[in-house]
Amino acid sequence: MPLYSFEGRSPTIDPGAFIAPTATLIGDVHVEAGASVWFNAVIRADFAPIIVREGANVQD
């Protein structure tokens, strides 16, 4: 899974989260335990933080 820093901020992922190998996270992204980001989804947090809360999922 590609993880990219942006302006000194990097994604943080709880070990209990699922991130698909083809998902892309950029910048100030936080993924909590039990959350998931699925195949080909892109989360880009360049203007403000994005928090994927426990139990949430992001799909393409």
PDB file of N, CA and C in Angstrom:
ATOM      1  N   MET A   1       0.852  -1.172   0.000  1.00  0.00           N
ATOM      2  CA  MET A   1       0.000   0.000   0.000  1.00  0.00           C
ATOM      3  C   MET A   1       0.894   1.230   0.000  1.00  0.00           C
ATOM      4  N   PRO A   2       0.720   2.104  -0.951  1.00  0.00           N
ATOM      5  CA  PRO A   2       1.514   3.332  -0.974  1.00  0.00           C
ATOM      6  C   PRO A   2       1.071   4.308   0.122  1.00  0.00           C
ATOM      7  N   LEU A   3       2.041   4.752   0.897  1.00  0.00           N
ATOM      8  CA  LEU A   3       1.821   5.781   1.914  1.00  0.00           C
ATOM      9  C   LEU A   3       2.757   6.935   1.592  1.00  0.00           C
ATOM     10  N   TYR A   4       2.223   8.141   1.516  1.00  0.00           N
ATOM     11  CA  TYR A   4       3.029   9.296   1.149  1.00  0.00           C
ATOM     12  C   TYR A   4       2.903  10.393   2.191  1.00  0.00           C
ATOM     13  N   SER A   5       4.041  10.986   2.548  1.00  0.00           N
ATOM     14  CA  SER A   5       4.038  12.176   3.394  1.00  0.00           C
ATOM     15  C   SER A   5       3.713  13.385   2.533  1.00  0.00           C
ATOM     16  N   PHE A   6       3.109  14.402   3.159  1.00  0.00           N
ATOM     17  CA  PHE A   6       2.831  15.660   2.472  1.00  0.00           C
ATOM     18  C   PHE A   6       3.049  16.789   3.461  1.00  0.00           C
ATOM     19  N   GLU A   7       3.949  17.693   3.133  1.00  0.00           N
ATOM     20  CA  GLU A   7       4.282  18.827   3.986  1.00  0.00           C
ATOM     21  C   GLU A   7       4.581  18.392   5.419  1.00  0.00           C
ATOM     22  N   GLY A   8       5.359  17.322   5.553  1.00  0.00           N
ATOM     23  CA  GLY A   8       5.803  16.851   6.857  1.00  0.00           C
ATOM     24  C   GLY A   8       4.801  16.014   7.631  1.00  0.00           C
ATOM     25  N   ARG A   9       3.659  15.726   7.052  1.00  0.00           N
ATOM     26  CA  ARG A   9       2.647  14.903   7.732  1.00  0.00           C
ATOM     27  C   ARG A   9       2.501  13.580   7.001  1.00  0.00           C
ATOM     28  N   SER A  10       2.448  12.509   7.789  1.00  0.00           N
ATOM     29  CA  SER A  10       2.383  11.162   7.222  1.00  0.00           C
ATOM     30  C   SER A  10       1.169  10.415   7.748  1.00  0.00           C
ATOM     31  N   PRO A  11       0.672   9.461   6.985  1.00  0.00           N
ATOM     32  CA  PRO A  11      -0.452   8.648   7.455  1.00  0.00           C
ATOM     33  C   PRO A  11      -0.077   7.835   8.696  1.00  0.00           C
ATOM     34  N   THR A  12      -1.063   7.639   9.580  1.00  0.00           N
ATOM     35  CA  THR A  12      -0.905   6.733  10.716  1.00  0.00           C
ATOM     36  C   THR A  12      -2.013   5.694  10.630  1.00  0.00           C
ATOM     37  N   ILE A  13      -1.620   4.445  10.830  1.00  0.00           N
ATOM     38  CA  ILE A  13      -2.562   3.336  10.681  1.00  0.00           C
ATOM     39  C   ILE A  13      -2.470   2.453  11.911  1.00  0.00           C
ATOM     40  N   ASP A  14      -3.595   2.235  12.556  1.00  0.00           N
ATOM     41  CA  ASP A  14      -3.635   1.315  13.689  1.00  0.00           C
ATOM     42  C   ASP A  14      -3.377  -0.100  13.177  1.00  0.00           C
ATOM     43  N   PRO A  15      -2.630  -0.910  13.927  1.00  0.00           N
ATOM     44  CA  PRO A  15      -2.373  -2.289  13.491  1.00  0.00           C
ATOM     45  C   PRO A  15      -3.640  -3.120  13.300  1.00  0.00           C
ATOM     46  N   GLY A  16      -4.743  -2.721  13.921  1.00  0.00           N
ATOM     47  CA  GLY A  16      -6.000  -3.448  13.787  1.00  0.00           C
ATOM     48  C   GLY A  16      -6.844  -3.014  12.600  1.00  0.00           C
ATOM     49  N   ALA A  17      -6.321  -2.121  11.770  1.00  0.00           N
ATOM     50  CA  ALA A  17      -7.041  -1.656  10.575  1.00  0.00           C
ATOM     51  C   ALA A  17      -6.633  -2.500   9.371  1.00  0.00           C
ATOM     52  N   PHE A  18      -7.494  -2.512   8.349  1.00  0.00           N
ATOM     53  CA  PHE A  18      -7.163  -3.177   7.085  1.00  0.00           C
ATOM     54  C   PHE A  18      -6.989  -2.116   6.013  1.00  0.00           C
ATOM     55  N   ILE A  19      -5.840  -2.144   5.352  1.00  0.00           N
ATOM     56  CA  ILE A  19      -5.580  -1.272   4.207  1.00  0.00           C
ATOM     57  C   ILE A  19      -5.236  -2.188   3.040  1.00  0.00           C
ATOM     58  N   ALA A  20      -6.022  -2.127   1.973  1.00  0.00           N
ATOM     59  CA  ALA A  20      -5.775  -2.972   0.801  1.00  0.00           C
ATOM     60  C   ALA A  20      -4.438  -2.586   0.157  1.00  0.00           C
ATOM     61  N   PRO A  21      -3.777  -3.551  -0.466  1.00  0.00           N
ATOM     62  CA  PRO A  21      -2.466  -3.281  -1.070  1.00  0.00           C
ATOM     63  C   PRO A  21      -2.479  -2.199  -2.150  1.00  0.00           C
ATOM     64  N   THR A  22      -3.611  -1.987  -2.804  1.00  0.00           N
ATOM     65  CA  THR A  22      -3.669  -0.979  -3.871  1.00  0.00           C
ATOM     66  C   THR A  22      -4.280   0.345  -3.410  1.00  0.00           C
ATOM     67  N   ALA A  23      -4.602   0.469  -2.130  1.00  0.00           N
ATOM     68  CA  ALA A  23      -5.099   1.742  -1.589  1.00  0.00           C
ATOM     69  C   ALA A  23      -3.925   2.708  -1.426  1.00  0.00           C
ATOM     70  N   THR A  24      -4.204   4.011  -1.529  1.00  0.00           N
ATOM     71  CA  THR A  24      -3.169   5.032  -1.393  1.00  0.00           C
ATOM     72  C   THR A  24      -3.593   6.036  -0.330  1.00  0.00           C
ATOM     73  N   LEU A  25      -2.689   6.299   0.633  1.00  0.00           N
ATOM     74  CA  LEU A  25      -2.942   7.280   1.687  1.00  0.00           C
ATOM     75  C   LEU A  25      -1.884   8.367   1.597  1.00  0.00           C
ATOM     76  N   ILE A  26      -2.340   9.625   1.613  1.00  0.00           N
ATOM     77  CA  ILE A  26      -1.442  10.759   1.418  1.00  0.00           C
ATOM     78  C   ILE A  26      -1.677  11.787   2.518  1.00  0.00           C
ATOM     79  N   GLY A  27      -0.613  12.178   3.204  1.00  0.00           N
ATOM     80  CA  GLY A  27      -0.689  13.269   4.169  1.00  0.00           C
ATOM     81  C   GLY A  27      -1.215  12.864   5.527  1.00  0.00           C
ATOM     82  N   ASP A  28      -1.987  13.767   6.134  1.00  0.00           N
ATOM     83  CA  ASP A  28      -2.428  13.653   7.529  1.00  0.00           C
ATOM     84  C   ASP A  28      -3.677  12.770   7.644  1.00  0.00           C
ATOM     85  N   VAL A  29      -3.503  11.489   7.314  1.00  0.00           N
ATOM     86  CA  VAL A  29      -4.593  10.507   7.345  1.00  0.00           C
ATOM     87  C   VAL A  29      -4.399   9.621   8.570  1.00  0.00           C
ATOM     88  N   HIS A  30      -5.470   9.397   9.320  1.00  0.00           N
ATOM     89  CA  HIS A  30      -5.429   8.524  10.494  1.00  0.00           C
ATOM     90  C   HIS A  30      -6.501   7.452  10.321  1.00  0.00           C
ATOM     91  N   VAL A  31      -6.092   6.192  10.418  1.00  0.00           N
ATOM     92  CA  VAL A  31      -7.031   5.078  10.275  1.00  0.00           C
ATOM     93  C   VAL A  31      -7.054   4.331  11.606  1.00  0.00           C
ATOM     94  N   GLU A  32      -8.220   4.287  12.236  1.00  0.00           N
ATOM     95  CA  GLU A  32      -8.365   3.668  13.551  1.00  0.00           C
ATOM     96  C   GLU A  32      -8.553   2.155  13.449  1.00  0.00           C
ATOM     97  N   ALA A  33      -8.425   1.478  14.587  1.00  0.00           N
ATOM     98  CA  ALA A  33      -8.620   0.025  14.658  1.00  0.00           C
ATOM     99  C   ALA A  33     -10.010  -0.341  14.170  1.00  0.00           C
ATOM    100  N   GLY A  34     -10.095  -1.430  13.434  1.00  0.00           N
ATOM    101  CA  GLY A  34     -11.383  -1.903  12.951  1.00  0.00           C
ATOM    102  C   GLY A  34     -11.884  -1.191  11.709  1.00  0.00           C
ATOM    103  N   ALA A  35     -11.178  -0.165  11.262  1.00  0.00           N
ATOM    104  CA  ALA A  35     -11.547   0.542  10.031  1.00  0.00           C
ATOM    105  C   ALA A  35     -10.869  -0.137   8.849  1.00  0.00           C
ATOM    106  N   SER A  36     -11.348   0.167   7.636  1.00  0.00           N
ATOM    107  CA  SER A  36     -10.740  -0.431   6.446  1.00  0.00           C
ATOM    108  C   SER A  36     -10.762   0.551   5.281  1.00  0.00           C
ATOM    109  N   VAL A  37      -9.732   0.431   4.453  1.00  0.00           N
ATOM    110  CA  VAL A  37      -9.633   1.207   3.219  1.00  0.00           C
ATOM    111  C   VAL A  37      -9.416   0.181   2.117  1.00  0.00           C
ATOM    112  N   TRP A  38     -10.333   0.149   1.159  1.00  0.00           N
ATOM    113  CA  TRP A  38     -10.378  -0.942   0.187  1.00  0.00           C
ATOM    114  C   TRP A  38      -9.645  -0.618  -1.106  1.00  0.00           C
ATOM    115  N   PHE A  39      -9.596  -1.609  -1.972  1.00  0.00           N
ATOM    116  CA  PHE A  39      -8.809  -1.598  -3.196  1.00  0.00           C
ATOM    117  C   PHE A  39      -9.064  -0.355  -4.051  1.00  0.00           C
ATOM    118  N   ASN A  40      -7.973   0.271  -4.476  1.00  0.00           N
ATOM    119  CA  ASN A  40      -7.944   1.438  -5.365  1.00  0.00           C
ATOM    120  C   ASN A  40      -8.500   2.724  -4.754  1.00  0.00           C
ATOM    121  N   ALA A  41      -8.862   2.705  -3.482  1.00  0.00           N
ATOM    122  CA  ALA A  41      -9.309   3.941  -2.829  1.00  0.00           C
ATOM    123  C   ALA A  41      -8.102   4.853  -2.594  1.00  0.00           C
ATOM    124  N   VAL A  42      -8.319   6.152  -2.707  1.00  0.00           N
ATOM    125  CA  VAL A  42      -7.275   7.146  -2.446  1.00  0.00           C
ATOM    126  C   VAL A  42      -7.808   8.117  -1.404  1.00  0.00           C
ATOM    127  N   ILE A  43      -7.038   8.312  -0.332  1.00  0.00           N
ATOM    128  CA  ILE A  43      -7.385   9.298   0.692  1.00  0.00           C
ATOM    129  C   ILE A  43      -6.262  10.324   0.712  1.00  0.00           C
ATOM    130  N   ARG A  44      -6.613  11.560   0.404  1.00  0.00           N
ATOM    131  CA  ARG A  44      -5.626  12.637   0.293  1.00  0.00           C
ATOM    132  C   ARG A  44      -5.957  13.725   1.305  1.00  0.00           C
ATOM    133  N   ALA A  45      -5.132  13.836   2.338  1.00  0.00           N
ATOM    134  CA  ALA A  45      -5.349  14.826   3.398  1.00  0.00           C
ATOM    135  C   ALA A  45      -4.264  15.891   3.299  1.00  0.00           C
ATOM    136  N   ASP A  46      -4.443  16.812   2.363  1.00  0.00           N
ATOM    137  CA  ASP A  46      -3.432  17.847   2.181  1.00  0.00           C
ATOM    138  C   ASP A  46      -3.834  19.194   2.782  1.00  0.00           C
ATOM    139  N   PHE A  47      -5.122  19.434   3.022  1.00  0.00           N
ATOM    140  CA  PHE A  47      -5.570  20.698   3.608  1.00  0.00           C
ATOM    141  C   PHE A  47      -5.982  20.563   5.072  1.00  0.00           C
ATOM    142  N   ALA A  48      -6.473  19.395   5.456  1.00  0.00           N
ATOM    143  CA  ALA A  48      -6.921  19.148   6.825  1.00  0.00           C
ATOM    144  C   ALA A  48      -6.798  17.653   7.102  1.00  0.00           C
ATOM    145  N   PRO A  49      -6.743  17.263   8.380  1.00  0.00           N
ATOM    146  CA  PRO A  49      -6.659  15.836   8.697  1.00  0.00           C
ATOM    147  C   PRO A  49      -7.919  15.089   8.267  1.00  0.00           C
ATOM    148  N   ILE A  50      -7.741  13.829   7.913  1.00  0.00           N
ATOM    149  CA  ILE A  50      -8.858  12.928   7.639  1.00  0.00           C
ATOM    150  C   ILE A  50      -8.725  11.764   8.605  1.00  0.00           C
ATOM    151  N   ILE A  51      -9.802  11.485   9.342  1.00  0.00           N
ATOM    152  CA  ILE A  51      -9.804  10.386  10.307  1.00  0.00           C
ATOM    153  C   ILE A  51     -10.842   9.371   9.867  1.00  0.00           C
ATOM    154  N   VAL A  52     -10.391   8.142   9.643  1.00  0.00           N
ATOM    155  CA  VAL A  52     -11.302   7.042   9.324  1.00  0.00           C
ATOM    156  C   VAL A  52     -11.538   6.331  10.656  1.00  0.00           C
ATOM    157  N   ARG A  53     -12.714   6.531  11.214  1.00  0.00           N
ATOM    158  CA  ARG A  53     -13.024   6.060  12.563  1.00  0.00           C
ATOM    159  C   ARG A  53     -13.246   4.549  12.624  1.00  0.00           C
ATOM    160  N   GLU A  54     -13.184   4.034  13.847  1.00  0.00           N
ATOM    161  CA  GLU A  54     -13.372   2.606  14.102  1.00  0.00           C
ATOM    162  C   GLU A  54     -14.660   2.102  13.457  1.00  0.00           C
ATOM    163  N   GLY A  55     -14.542   1.023  12.697  1.00  0.00           N
ATOM    164  CA  GLY A  55     -15.695   0.399  12.067  1.00  0.00           C
ATOM    165  C   GLY A  55     -16.082   0.990  10.722  1.00  0.00           C
ATOM    166  N   ALA A  56     -15.486   2.123  10.352  1.00  0.00           N
ATOM    167  CA  ALA A  56     -15.800   2.740   9.053  1.00  0.00           C
ATOM    168  C   ALA A  56     -15.019   2.051   7.944  1.00  0.00           C
ATOM    169  N   ASN A  57     -15.515   2.201   6.702  1.00  0.00           N
ATOM    170  CA  ASN A  57     -14.748   1.695   5.568  1.00  0.00           C
ATOM    171  C   ASN A  57     -14.821   2.689   4.423  1.00  0.00           C
ATOM    172  N   VAL A  58     -13.748   2.727   3.648  1.00  0.00           N
ATOM    173  CA  VAL A  58     -13.649   3.595   2.479  1.00  0.00           C
ATOM    174  C   VAL A  58     -13.487   2.675   1.284  1.00  0.00           C
ATOM    175  N   GLN A  59     -14.367   2.846   0.289  1.00  0.00           N
ATOM    176  CA  GLN A  59     -14.339   1.982  -0.893  1.00  0.00           C
ATOM    177  C   GLN A  59     -14.269   2.838  -2.149  1.00  0.00           C
ATOM    178  N   ASP A  60     -13.703   2.258  -3.192  1.00  0.00           N
ATOM    179  CA  ASP A  60     -13.673   2.930  -4.489  1.00  0.00           C
ATOM    180  C   ASP A  60     -14.926   2.580  -5.248  1.00  0.00           C
TER     181      ASP A  60
END
